[in-house]
Amino acid sequence: MIDTFLQINVDPVTLEVGVDDGYLKISIEDEQGNTQSIILEKDEVEGLIEFMEKKKQEL
């Protein structure tokens, strides 16, 4: 990942959030080293931010 914002290591799993090639990328690596990624485009990121702002106000 080009620009990592957050990395959480909880043995044996690693969660990584960052920007790669202009997209928001969320990746999870399991204990065997297999990586699954979700890639979000700008409009999806904006929707996610709006959702998080609403939830933040509810806390």
PDB file of N, CA and C in Angstrom:
ATOM      1  N   MET A   1       0.862  -1.172   0.000  1.00  0.00           N
ATOM      2  CA  MET A   1       0.000   0.000   0.000  1.00  0.00           C
ATOM      3  C   MET A   1       0.904   1.228   0.000  1.00  0.00           C
ATOM      4  N   ILE A   2       0.592   2.207  -0.821  1.00  0.00           N
ATOM      5  CA  ILE A   2       1.452   3.375  -1.001  1.00  0.00           C
ATOM      6  C   ILE A   2       1.484   4.269   0.244  1.00  0.00           C
ATOM      7  N   ASP A   3       0.317   4.658   0.751  1.00  0.00           N
ATOM      8  CA  ASP A   3       0.233   5.601   1.873  1.00  0.00           C
ATOM      9  C   ASP A   3      -0.665   4.992   2.945  1.00  0.00           C
ATOM     10  N   THR A   4      -0.064   4.392   3.960  1.00  0.00           N
ATOM     11  CA  THR A   4      -0.822   3.719   5.011  1.00  0.00           C
ATOM     12  C   THR A   4      -1.241   4.711   6.081  1.00  0.00           C
ATOM     13  N   PHE A   5      -2.547   4.718   6.393  1.00  0.00           N
ATOM     14  CA  PHE A   5      -3.101   5.590   7.421  1.00  0.00           C
ATOM     15  C   PHE A   5      -3.168   4.859   8.754  1.00  0.00           C
ATOM     16  N   LEU A   6      -3.553   3.591   8.718  1.00  0.00           N
ATOM     17  CA  LEU A   6      -3.779   2.832   9.945  1.00  0.00           C
ATOM     18  C   LEU A   6      -3.344   1.396   9.720  1.00  0.00           C
ATOM     19  N   GLN A   7      -2.613   0.845  10.674  1.00  0.00           N
ATOM     20  CA  GLN A   7      -2.255  -0.569  10.618  1.00  0.00           C
ATOM     21  C   GLN A   7      -2.440  -1.148  12.008  1.00  0.00           C
ATOM     22  N   ILE A   8      -3.244  -2.209  12.083  1.00  0.00           N
ATOM     23  CA  ILE A   8      -3.513  -2.874  13.357  1.00  0.00           C
ATOM     24  C   ILE A   8      -3.074  -4.322  13.223  1.00  0.00           C
ATOM     25  N   ASN A   9      -2.174  -4.743  14.095  1.00  0.00           N
ATOM     26  CA  ASN A   9      -1.697  -6.126  14.115  1.00  0.00           C
ATOM     27  C   ASN A   9      -2.235  -6.803  15.363  1.00  0.00           C
ATOM     28  N   VAL A  10      -3.117  -7.768  15.148  1.00  0.00           N
ATOM     29  CA  VAL A  10      -3.619  -8.600  16.237  1.00  0.00           C
ATOM     30  C   VAL A  10      -3.290 -10.024  15.822  1.00  0.00           C
ATOM     31  N   ASP A  11      -2.173 -10.514  16.342  1.00  0.00           N
ATOM     32  CA  ASP A  11      -1.646 -11.799  15.899  1.00  0.00           C
ATOM     33  C   ASP A  11      -2.761 -12.838  15.860  1.00  0.00           C
ATOM     34  N   PRO A  12      -3.017 -13.469  14.763  1.00  0.00           N
ATOM     35  CA  PRO A  12      -2.206 -13.569  13.556  1.00  0.00           C
ATOM     36  C   PRO A  12      -2.734 -12.735  12.386  1.00  0.00           C
ATOM     37  N   VAL A  13      -3.579 -11.752  12.634  1.00  0.00           N
ATOM     38  CA  VAL A  13      -4.231 -10.995  11.559  1.00  0.00           C
ATOM     39  C   VAL A  13      -3.739  -9.551  11.542  1.00  0.00           C
ATOM     40  N   THR A  14      -3.607  -8.979  10.333  1.00  0.00           N
ATOM     41  CA  THR A  14      -3.219  -7.583  10.170  1.00  0.00           C
ATOM     42  C   THR A  14      -4.294  -6.865   9.361  1.00  0.00           C
ATOM     43  N   LEU A  15      -4.751  -5.723   9.868  1.00  0.00           N
ATOM     44  CA  LEU A  15      -5.699  -4.852   9.171  1.00  0.00           C
ATOM     45  C   LEU A  15      -4.945  -3.598   8.768  1.00  0.00           C
ATOM     46  N   GLU A  16      -5.088  -3.197   7.513  1.00  0.00           N
ATOM     47  CA  GLU A  16      -4.382  -2.020   7.021  1.00  0.00           C
ATOM     48  C   GLU A  16      -5.346  -1.153   6.215  1.00  0.00           C
ATOM     49  N   VAL A  17      -5.335   0.156   6.485  1.00  0.00           N
ATOM     50  CA  VAL A  17      -6.160   1.123   5.776  1.00  0.00           C
ATOM     51  C   VAL A  17      -5.239   2.198   5.225  1.00  0.00           C
ATOM     52  N   GLY A  18      -5.416   2.507   3.944  1.00  0.00           N
ATOM     53  CA  GLY A  18      -4.577   3.531   3.343  1.00  0.00           C
ATOM     54  C   GLY A  18      -5.036   3.883   1.948  1.00  0.00           C
ATOM     55  N   VAL A  19      -4.207   4.618   1.251  1.00  0.00           N
ATOM     56  CA  VAL A  19      -4.509   5.048  -0.112  1.00  0.00           C
ATOM     57  C   VAL A  19      -3.513   4.378  -1.048  1.00  0.00           C
ATOM     58  N   ASP A  20      -4.035   3.786  -2.108  1.00  0.00           N
ATOM     59  CA  ASP A  20      -3.201   3.112  -3.086  1.00  0.00           C
ATOM     60  C   ASP A  20      -3.717   3.452  -4.473  1.00  0.00           C
ATOM     61  N   ASP A  21      -2.899   4.112  -5.258  1.00  0.00           N
ATOM     62  CA  ASP A  21      -3.241   4.464  -6.643  1.00  0.00           C
ATOM     63  C   ASP A  21      -4.520   5.313  -6.724  1.00  0.00           C
ATOM     64  N   GLY A  22      -4.711   6.197  -5.735  1.00  0.00           N
ATOM     65  CA  GLY A  22      -5.853   7.107  -5.746  1.00  0.00           C
ATOM     66  C   GLY A  22      -7.127   6.548  -5.160  1.00  0.00           C
ATOM     67  N   TYR A  23      -7.091   5.353  -4.611  1.00  0.00           N
ATOM     68  CA  TYR A  23      -8.272   4.722  -4.021  1.00  0.00           C
ATOM     69  C   TYR A  23      -8.029   4.437  -2.550  1.00  0.00           C
ATOM     70  N   LEU A  24      -9.106   4.457  -1.760  1.00  0.00           N
ATOM     71  CA  LEU A  24      -9.013   4.025  -0.375  1.00  0.00           C
ATOM     72  C   LEU A  24      -8.991   2.502  -0.384  1.00  0.00           C
ATOM     73  N   LYS A  25      -8.018   1.928   0.287  1.00  0.00           N
ATOM     74  CA  LYS A  25      -7.870   0.472   0.288  1.00  0.00           C
ATOM     75  C   LYS A  25      -7.864  -0.032   1.723  1.00  0.00           C
ATOM     76  N   ILE A  26      -8.720  -1.016   1.998  1.00  0.00           N
ATOM     77  CA  ILE A  26      -8.798  -1.660   3.303  1.00  0.00           C
ATOM     78  C   ILE A  26      -8.420  -3.118   3.087  1.00  0.00           C
ATOM     79  N   SER A  27      -7.359  -3.569   3.748  1.00  0.00           N
ATOM     80  CA  SER A  27      -6.858  -4.922   3.539  1.00  0.00           C
ATOM     81  C   SER A  27      -6.753  -5.678   4.854  1.00  0.00           C
ATOM     82  N   ILE A  28      -7.034  -6.973   4.776  1.00  0.00           N
ATOM     83  CA  ILE A  28      -6.879  -7.867   5.920  1.00  0.00           C
ATOM     84  C   ILE A  28      -6.003  -9.033   5.471  1.00  0.00           C
ATOM     85  N   GLU A  29      -4.938  -9.274   6.237  1.00  0.00           N
ATOM     86  CA  GLU A  29      -4.054 -10.400   5.957  1.00  0.00           C
ATOM     87  C   GLU A  29      -4.245 -11.443   7.050  1.00  0.00           C
ATOM     88  N   ASP A  30      -4.526 -12.690   6.656  1.00  0.00           N
ATOM     89  CA  ASP A  30      -4.762 -13.738   7.639  1.00  0.00           C
ATOM     90  C   ASP A  30      -3.469 -14.437   8.046  1.00  0.00           C
ATOM     91  N   GLU A  31      -3.614 -15.448   8.904  1.00  0.00           N
ATOM     92  CA  GLU A  31      -2.442 -16.130   9.453  1.00  0.00           C
ATOM     93  C   GLU A  31      -1.623 -16.882   8.408  1.00  0.00           C
ATOM     94  N   GLN A  32      -2.215 -17.215   7.246  1.00  0.00           N
ATOM     95  CA  GLN A  32      -1.475 -17.870   6.180  1.00  0.00           C
ATOM     96  C   GLN A  32      -0.833 -16.882   5.212  1.00  0.00           C
ATOM     97  N   GLY A  33      -1.013 -15.596   5.458  1.00  0.00           N
ATOM     98  CA  GLY A  33      -0.444 -14.584   4.579  1.00  0.00           C
ATOM     99  C   GLY A  33      -1.338 -14.217   3.408  1.00  0.00           C
ATOM    100  N   ASN A  34      -2.571 -14.745   3.393  1.00  0.00           N
ATOM    101  CA  ASN A  34      -3.531 -14.402   2.340  1.00  0.00           C
ATOM    102  C   ASN A  34      -4.131 -13.033   2.622  1.00  0.00           C
ATOM    103  N   THR A  35      -4.197 -12.184   1.603  1.00  0.00           N
ATOM    104  CA  THR A  35      -4.713 -10.825   1.765  1.00  0.00           C
ATOM    105  C   THR A  35      -5.996 -10.653   0.980  1.00  0.00           C
ATOM    106  N   GLN A  36      -7.015 -10.099   1.654  1.00  0.00           N
ATOM    107  CA  GLN A  36      -8.280  -9.723   1.031  1.00  0.00           C
ATOM    108  C   GLN A  36      -8.373  -8.202   1.123  1.00  0.00           C
ATOM    109  N   SER A  37      -8.771  -7.545   0.018  1.00  0.00           N
ATOM    110  CA  SER A  37      -8.821  -6.077   0.008  1.00  0.00           C
ATOM    111  C   SER A  37     -10.160  -5.584  -0.499  1.00  0.00           C
ATOM    112  N   ILE A  38     -10.556  -4.450   0.041  1.00  0.00           N
ATOM    113  CA  ILE A  38     -11.713  -3.700  -0.432  1.00  0.00           C
ATOM    114  C   ILE A  38     -11.160  -2.380  -0.954  1.00  0.00           C
ATOM    115  N   ILE A  39     -11.524  -2.010  -2.169  1.00  0.00           N
ATOM    116  CA  ILE A  39     -11.055  -0.767  -2.769  1.00  0.00           C
ATOM    117  C   ILE A  39     -12.266   0.130  -3.017  1.00  0.00           C
ATOM    118  N   LEU A  40     -12.218   1.351  -2.466  1.00  0.00           N
ATOM    119  CA  LEU A  40     -13.327   2.294  -2.582  1.00  0.00           C
ATOM    120  C   LEU A  40     -12.936   3.486  -3.443  1.00  0.00           C
ATOM    121  N   GLU A  41     -13.840   3.874  -4.344  1.00  0.00           N
ATOM    122  CA  GLU A  41     -13.641   5.060  -5.168  1.00  0.00           C
ATOM    123  C   GLU A  41     -14.078   6.299  -4.393  1.00  0.00           C
ATOM    124  N   LYS A  42     -13.811   7.478  -4.942  1.00  0.00           N
ATOM    125  CA  LYS A  42     -14.056   8.749  -4.262  1.00  0.00           C
ATOM    126  C   LYS A  42     -15.496   8.884  -3.780  1.00  0.00           C
ATOM    127  N   ASP A  43     -16.489   8.569  -4.628  1.00  0.00           N
ATOM    128  CA  ASP A  43     -17.882   8.730  -4.220  1.00  0.00           C
ATOM    129  C   ASP A  43     -18.247   7.760  -3.098  1.00  0.00           C
ATOM    130  N   GLU A  44     -17.663   6.571  -3.102  1.00  0.00           N
ATOM    131  CA  GLU A  44     -17.910   5.608  -2.025  1.00  0.00           C
ATOM    132  C   GLU A  44     -17.275   6.084  -0.724  1.00  0.00           C
ATOM    133  N   VAL A  45     -16.100   6.684  -0.816  1.00  0.00           N
ATOM    134  CA  VAL A  45     -15.428   7.223   0.365  1.00  0.00           C
ATOM    135  C   VAL A  45     -16.245   8.372   0.954  1.00  0.00           C
ATOM    136  N   GLU A  46     -16.768   9.244   0.090  1.00  0.00           N
ATOM    137  CA  GLU A  46     -17.590  10.356   0.568  1.00  0.00           C
ATOM    138  C   GLU A  46     -18.832   9.837   1.290  1.00  0.00           C
ATOM    139  N   GLY A  47     -19.467   8.792   0.761  1.00  0.00           N
ATOM    140  CA  GLY A  47     -20.619   8.189   1.421  1.00  0.00           C
ATOM    141  C   GLY A  47     -20.243   7.594   2.769  1.00  0.00           C
ATOM    142  N   LEU A  48     -19.081   6.949   2.827  1.00  0.00           N
ATOM    143  CA  LEU A  48     -18.600   6.375   4.081  1.00  0.00           C
ATOM    144  C   LEU A  48     -18.337   7.464   5.114  1.00  0.00           C
ATOM    145  N   ILE A  49     -17.745   8.571   4.681  1.00  0.00           N
ATOM    146  CA  ILE A  49     -17.470   9.687   5.596  1.00  0.00           C
ATOM    147  C   ILE A  49     -18.772  10.269   6.135  1.00  0.00           C
ATOM    148  N   GLU A  50     -19.763  10.455   5.278  1.00  0.00           N
ATOM    149  CA  GLU A  50     -21.062  10.966   5.723  1.00  0.00           C
ATOM    150  C   GLU A  50     -21.680  10.025   6.756  1.00  0.00           C
ATOM    151  N   PHE A  51     -21.634   8.730   6.499  1.00  0.00           N
ATOM    152  CA  PHE A  51     -22.163   7.738   7.427  1.00  0.00           C
ATOM    153  C   PHE A  51     -21.454   7.826   8.772  1.00  0.00           C
ATOM    154  N   MET A  52     -20.126   7.927   8.746  1.00  0.00           N
ATOM    155  CA  MET A  52     -19.351   7.994   9.978  1.00  0.00           C
ATOM    156  C   MET A  52     -19.633   9.271  10.758  1.00  0.00           C
ATOM    157  N   GLU A  53     -19.821  10.384  10.057  1.00  0.00           N
ATOM    158  CA  GLU A  53     -20.146  11.653  10.733  1.00  0.00           C
ATOM    159  C   GLU A  53     -21.485  11.535  11.465  1.00  0.00           C
ATOM    160  N   LYS A  54     -22.477  10.923  10.835  1.00  0.00           N
ATOM    161  CA  LYS A  54     -23.784  10.732  11.468  1.00  0.00           C
ATOM    162  C   LYS A  54     -23.643   9.853  12.706  1.00  0.00           C
ATOM    163  N   LYS A  55     -22.902   8.779  12.596  1.00  0.00           N
ATOM    164  CA  LYS A  55     -22.713   7.875  13.728  1.00  0.00           C
ATOM    165  C   LYS A  55     -21.918   8.525  14.844  1.00  0.00           C
ATOM    166  N   LYS A  56     -20.970   9.367  14.490  1.00  0.00           N
ATOM    167  CA  LYS A  56     -20.167  10.082  15.476  1.00  0.00           C
ATOM    168  C   LYS A  56     -21.054  10.963  16.356  1.00  0.00           C
ATOM    169  N   GLN A  57     -22.040  11.594  15.741  1.00  0.00           N
ATOM    170  CA  GLN A  57     -22.958  12.460  16.484  1.00  0.00           C
ATOM    171  C   GLN A  57     -23.854  11.661  17.430  1.00  0.00           C
ATOM    172  N   GLU A  58     -24.089  10.405  17.111  1.00  0.00           N
ATOM    173  CA  GLU A  58     -24.927   9.552  17.947  1.00  0.00           C
ATOM    174  C   GLU A  58     -24.189   9.040  19.185  1.00  0.00           C
ATOM    175  N   LEU A  59     -22.856   9.102  19.167  1.00  0.00           N
ATOM    176  CA  LEU A  59     -22.077   8.566  20.303  1.00  0.00           C
ATOM    177  C   LEU A  59     -22.144   9.443  21.517  1.00  0.00           C
TER     178      LEU A  59
END
